C-alpha atoms as a PDB file:
ATOM      1  CA  GLN A   1      13.544 -14.045  -2.819  1.00  0.00           C
ATOM      2  CA  VAL A   2      11.730 -10.732  -2.483  1.00  0.00           C
ATOM      3  CA  GLN A   3       9.796  -9.526   0.545  1.00  0.00           C
ATOM      4  CA  LEU A   4       7.480  -6.608   1.260  1.00  0.00           C
ATOM      5  CA  VAL A   5       7.412  -5.239   4.787  1.00  0.00           C
ATOM      6  CA  GLU A   6       4.592  -2.886   5.785  1.00  0.00           C
ATOM      7  CA  SER A   7       4.472  -0.500   8.706  1.00  0.00           C
ATOM      8  CA  GLY A   8       2.433   2.381  10.037  1.00  0.00           C
ATOM      9  CA  GLY A   9      -0.961   0.917  10.834  1.00  0.00           C
ATOM     10  CA  GLY A  10      -2.753   1.594  14.076  1.00  0.00           C
ATOM     11  CA  LEU A  11      -5.755   3.134  15.788  1.00  0.00           C
ATOM     12  CA  VAL A  12      -6.849   6.660  14.956  1.00  0.00           C
ATOM     13  CA  GLN A  13      -9.946   8.749  15.496  1.00  0.00           C
ATOM     14  CA  ALA A  14     -12.152   9.760  12.596  1.00  0.00           C
ATOM     15  CA  GLY A  15     -10.699  12.783  10.863  1.00  0.00           C
ATOM     16  CA  GLY A  16      -7.172  11.793  11.774  1.00  0.00           C
ATOM     17  CA  SER A  17      -4.228  10.708   9.664  1.00  0.00           C
ATOM     18  CA  LEU A  18      -1.932   7.748   9.294  1.00  0.00           C
ATOM     19  CA  ARG A  19       0.995   7.015   7.006  1.00  0.00           C
ATOM     20  CA  LEU A  20       1.601   3.495   5.787  1.00  0.00           C
ATOM     21  CA  SER A  21       4.943   2.433   4.380  1.00  0.00           C
ATOM     22  CA  CYS A  22       5.933  -0.594   2.346  1.00  0.00           C
ATOM     23  CA  ALA A  23       9.550  -1.495   1.705  1.00  0.00           C
ATOM     24  CA  ALA A  24      10.688  -4.147  -0.746  1.00  0.00           C
ATOM     25  CA  SER A  25      13.884  -6.080  -0.181  1.00  0.00           C
ATOM     26  CA  GLY A  26      15.711  -9.008  -1.700  1.00  0.00           C
ATOM     27  CA  SER A  27      16.972  -9.924  -5.140  1.00  0.00           C
ATOM     28  CA  ILE A  28      15.257  -7.100  -6.997  1.00  0.00           C
ATOM     29  CA  PHE A  29      16.071  -6.075 -10.536  1.00  0.00           C
ATOM     30  CA  ASN A  30      13.034  -3.881 -11.114  1.00  0.00           C
ATOM     31  CA  ILE A  31       9.633  -3.177  -9.634  1.00  0.00           C
ATOM     32  CA  ASP A  32       6.739  -2.270 -11.907  1.00  0.00           C
ATOM     33  CA  HIS A  33       3.449  -1.425 -10.232  1.00  0.00           C
ATOM     34  CA  MET A  34       3.230  -1.037  -6.470  1.00  0.00           C
ATOM     35  CA  ARG A  35      -0.243  -1.124  -4.974  1.00  0.00           C
ATOM     36  CA  TRP A  36      -2.132  -0.888  -1.709  1.00  0.00           C
ATOM     37  CA  TYR A  37      -5.198  -3.056  -1.199  1.00  0.00           C
ATOM     38  CA  ARG A  38      -7.457  -3.261   1.819  1.00  0.00           C
ATOM     39  CA  GLN A  39      -9.833  -5.811   3.192  1.00  0.00           C
ATOM     40  CA  ALA A  40     -12.483  -4.952   5.743  1.00  0.00           C
ATOM     41  CA  PRO A  41     -14.148  -7.649   7.860  1.00  0.00           C
ATOM     42  CA  GLY A  42     -16.653  -9.596   5.810  1.00  0.00           C
ATOM     43  CA  LYS A  43     -15.749  -7.801   2.597  1.00  0.00           C
ATOM     44  CA  GLN A  44     -13.671  -8.563  -0.463  1.00  0.00           C
ATOM     45  CA  ARG A  45     -10.201  -7.188  -0.874  1.00  0.00           C
ATOM     46  CA  GLU A  46     -10.266  -3.937  -2.849  1.00  0.00           C
ATOM     47  CA  LEU A  47      -7.636  -1.880  -4.616  1.00  0.00           C
ATOM     48  CA  VAL A  48      -6.997   1.423  -2.855  1.00  0.00           C
ATOM     49  CA  ALA A  49      -4.167   3.002  -4.818  1.00  0.00           C
ATOM     50  CA  LEU A  50      -1.390   2.159  -7.224  1.00  0.00           C
ATOM     51  CA  ALA A  51       1.755   3.726  -8.608  1.00  0.00           C
ATOM     52  CA  ASP A  52       3.569   2.645 -11.741  1.00  0.00           C
ATOM     53  CA  SER A  53       7.327   2.705 -12.079  1.00  0.00           C
ATOM     54  CA  GLY A  54       7.174   6.292 -13.308  1.00  0.00           C
ATOM     55  CA  GLY A  55       5.252   7.394 -10.241  1.00  0.00           C
ATOM     56  CA  VAL A  56       1.908   7.851 -11.980  1.00  0.00           C
ATOM     57  CA  THR A  57      -0.816   7.143  -9.461  1.00  0.00           C
ATOM     58  CA  ASN A  58      -4.443   6.057  -9.459  1.00  0.00           C
ATOM     59  CA  TYR A  59      -6.906   5.878  -6.605  1.00  0.00           C
ATOM     60  CA  ALA A  60     -10.181   4.260  -5.718  1.00  0.00           C
ATOM     61  CA  GLU A  61     -13.023   6.753  -5.823  1.00  0.00           C
ATOM     62  CA  SER A  62     -13.663   6.258  -2.126  1.00  0.00           C
ATOM     63  CA  VAL A  63     -10.211   7.623  -1.186  1.00  0.00           C
ATOM     64  CA  LYS A  64      -9.588  10.271  -3.837  1.00  0.00           C
ATOM     65  CA  GLY A  65      -8.674  13.589  -2.298  1.00  0.00           C
ATOM     66  CA  ARG A  66      -7.893  11.983   1.065  1.00  0.00           C
ATOM     67  CA  PHE A  67      -5.129   9.465   0.343  1.00  0.00           C
ATOM     68  CA  THR A  68      -1.836  10.180  -1.380  1.00  0.00           C
ATOM     69  CA  LEU A  69       0.531   7.527  -2.675  1.00  0.00           C
ATOM     70  CA  SER A  70       4.197   8.322  -3.144  1.00  0.00           C
ATOM     71  CA  ARG A  71       6.964   6.121  -4.389  1.00  0.00           C
ATOM     72  CA  ASP A  72      10.713   6.183  -3.813  1.00  0.00           C
ATOM     73  CA  ASN A  73      12.284   4.022  -6.511  1.00  0.00           C
ATOM     74  CA  ALA A  74      15.770   4.444  -5.075  1.00  0.00           C
ATOM     75  CA  LYS A  75      14.621   2.779  -1.858  1.00  0.00           C
ATOM     76  CA  ASP A  76      12.031   0.416  -3.404  1.00  0.00           C
ATOM     77  CA  THR A  77       9.512   1.948  -1.032  1.00  0.00           C
ATOM     78  CA  VAL A  78       5.986   3.244  -1.315  1.00  0.00           C
ATOM     79  CA  HIS A  79       4.091   5.365   1.198  1.00  0.00           C
ATOM     80  CA  LEU A  80       0.361   5.850   1.585  1.00  0.00           C
ATOM     81  CA  GLN A  81      -0.564   9.067   3.373  1.00  0.00           C
ATOM     82  CA  MET A  82      -4.128   8.757   4.635  1.00  0.00           C
ATOM     83  CA  ASN A  83      -5.895  11.910   5.783  1.00  0.00           C
ATOM     84  CA  SER A  84      -9.446  12.652   6.872  1.00  0.00           C
ATOM     85  CA  LEU A  85      -9.876   9.029   7.840  1.00  0.00           C
ATOM     86  CA  LYS A  86     -13.361   7.617   8.221  1.00  0.00           C
ATOM     87  CA  PRO A  87     -14.601   4.571  10.135  1.00  0.00           C
ATOM     88  CA  GLU A  88     -15.261   2.884   6.804  1.00  0.00           C
ATOM     89  CA  ASP A  89     -11.510   3.011   6.096  1.00  0.00           C
ATOM     90  CA  THR A  90     -11.043   0.422   8.823  1.00  0.00           C
ATOM     91  CA  ALA A  91      -9.396  -2.619   7.241  1.00  0.00           C
ATOM     92  CA  VAL A  92      -6.243  -4.622   6.923  1.00  0.00           C
ATOM     93  CA  TYR A  93      -4.095  -2.882   4.336  1.00  0.00           C
ATOM     94  CA  TYR A  94      -1.851  -4.955   2.089  1.00  0.00           C
ATOM     95  CA  CYS A  95       1.046  -3.855  -0.053  1.00  0.00           C
ATOM     96  CA  ASN A  96       1.479  -5.564  -3.422  1.00  0.00           C
ATOM     97  CA  ALA A  97       4.204  -5.292  -6.037  1.00  0.00           C
ATOM     98  CA  GLU A  98       5.006  -6.644  -9.469  1.00  0.00           C
ATOM     99  CA  VAL A  99       8.668  -7.563  -9.239  1.00  0.00           C
ATOM    100  CA  VAL A 100      11.353  -8.627 -11.671  1.00  0.00           C
ATOM    101  CA  ASN A 101      14.122 -10.339  -9.750  1.00  0.00           C
ATOM    102  CA  THR A 102      17.799 -10.537 -10.601  1.00  0.00           C
ATOM    103  CA  ALA A 103      17.151 -13.771 -12.517  1.00  0.00           C
ATOM    104  CA  ARG A 104      14.723 -11.738 -14.676  1.00  0.00           C
ATOM    105  CA  SER A 105      11.727 -13.670 -13.422  1.00  0.00           C
ATOM    106  CA  ARG A 106       8.540 -11.666 -12.975  1.00  0.00           C
ATOM    107  CA  PHE A 107       6.140 -12.362 -10.141  1.00  0.00           C
ATOM    108  CA  GLU A 108       3.746 -10.754  -7.709  1.00  0.00           C
ATOM    109  CA  VAL A 109       4.604 -10.235  -4.048  1.00  0.00           C
ATOM    110  CA  TRP A 110       2.301  -9.453  -1.112  1.00  0.00           C
ATOM    111  CA  GLY A 111       3.064  -7.985   2.264  1.00  0.00           C
ATOM    112  CA  GLN A 112       1.753  -9.439   5.496  1.00  0.00           C
ATOM    113  CA  GLY A 113      -0.817  -6.697   6.016  1.00  0.00           C
ATOM    114  CA  THR A 114      -1.150  -3.923   8.560  1.00  0.00           C
ATOM    115  CA  LEU A 115      -4.334  -3.134  10.474  1.00  0.00           C
ATOM    116  CA  VAL A 116      -5.870   0.325  10.326  1.00  0.00           C
ATOM    117  CA  THR A 117      -8.701   1.017  12.743  1.00  0.00           C
ATOM    118  CA  VAL A 118     -10.623   4.286  12.606  1.00  0.00           C
ATOM    119  CA  SER A 119     -12.875   4.982  15.563  1.00  0.00           C
ATOM    120  CA  SER A 120     -15.948   7.202  15.328  1.00  0.00           C
END
């Protein structure tokens, strides 16, 4: 069994920063893509950023230049540094990973979500 545990959400004023972390644990052989999604009230879940196993990253246009995703393969961890936060960044942020477990089965894992609230 593989789990993702997120941390780092909270309340921040517009223009402020937060750092989200997501740590994978369990019977992991390899992790391919690691992603952050977010879902604001009344809206669909959207992809915010992703990193492949080589650390190559991609970002949604709405967060480019403000958010930075970094990955630590040795610790099966990914961090999302969020700067210059805006009220429209308010959402529940979810970590997602494509995992190959020690039985060589491939599946997708989601974290429980962490709330980010940006006040104006």
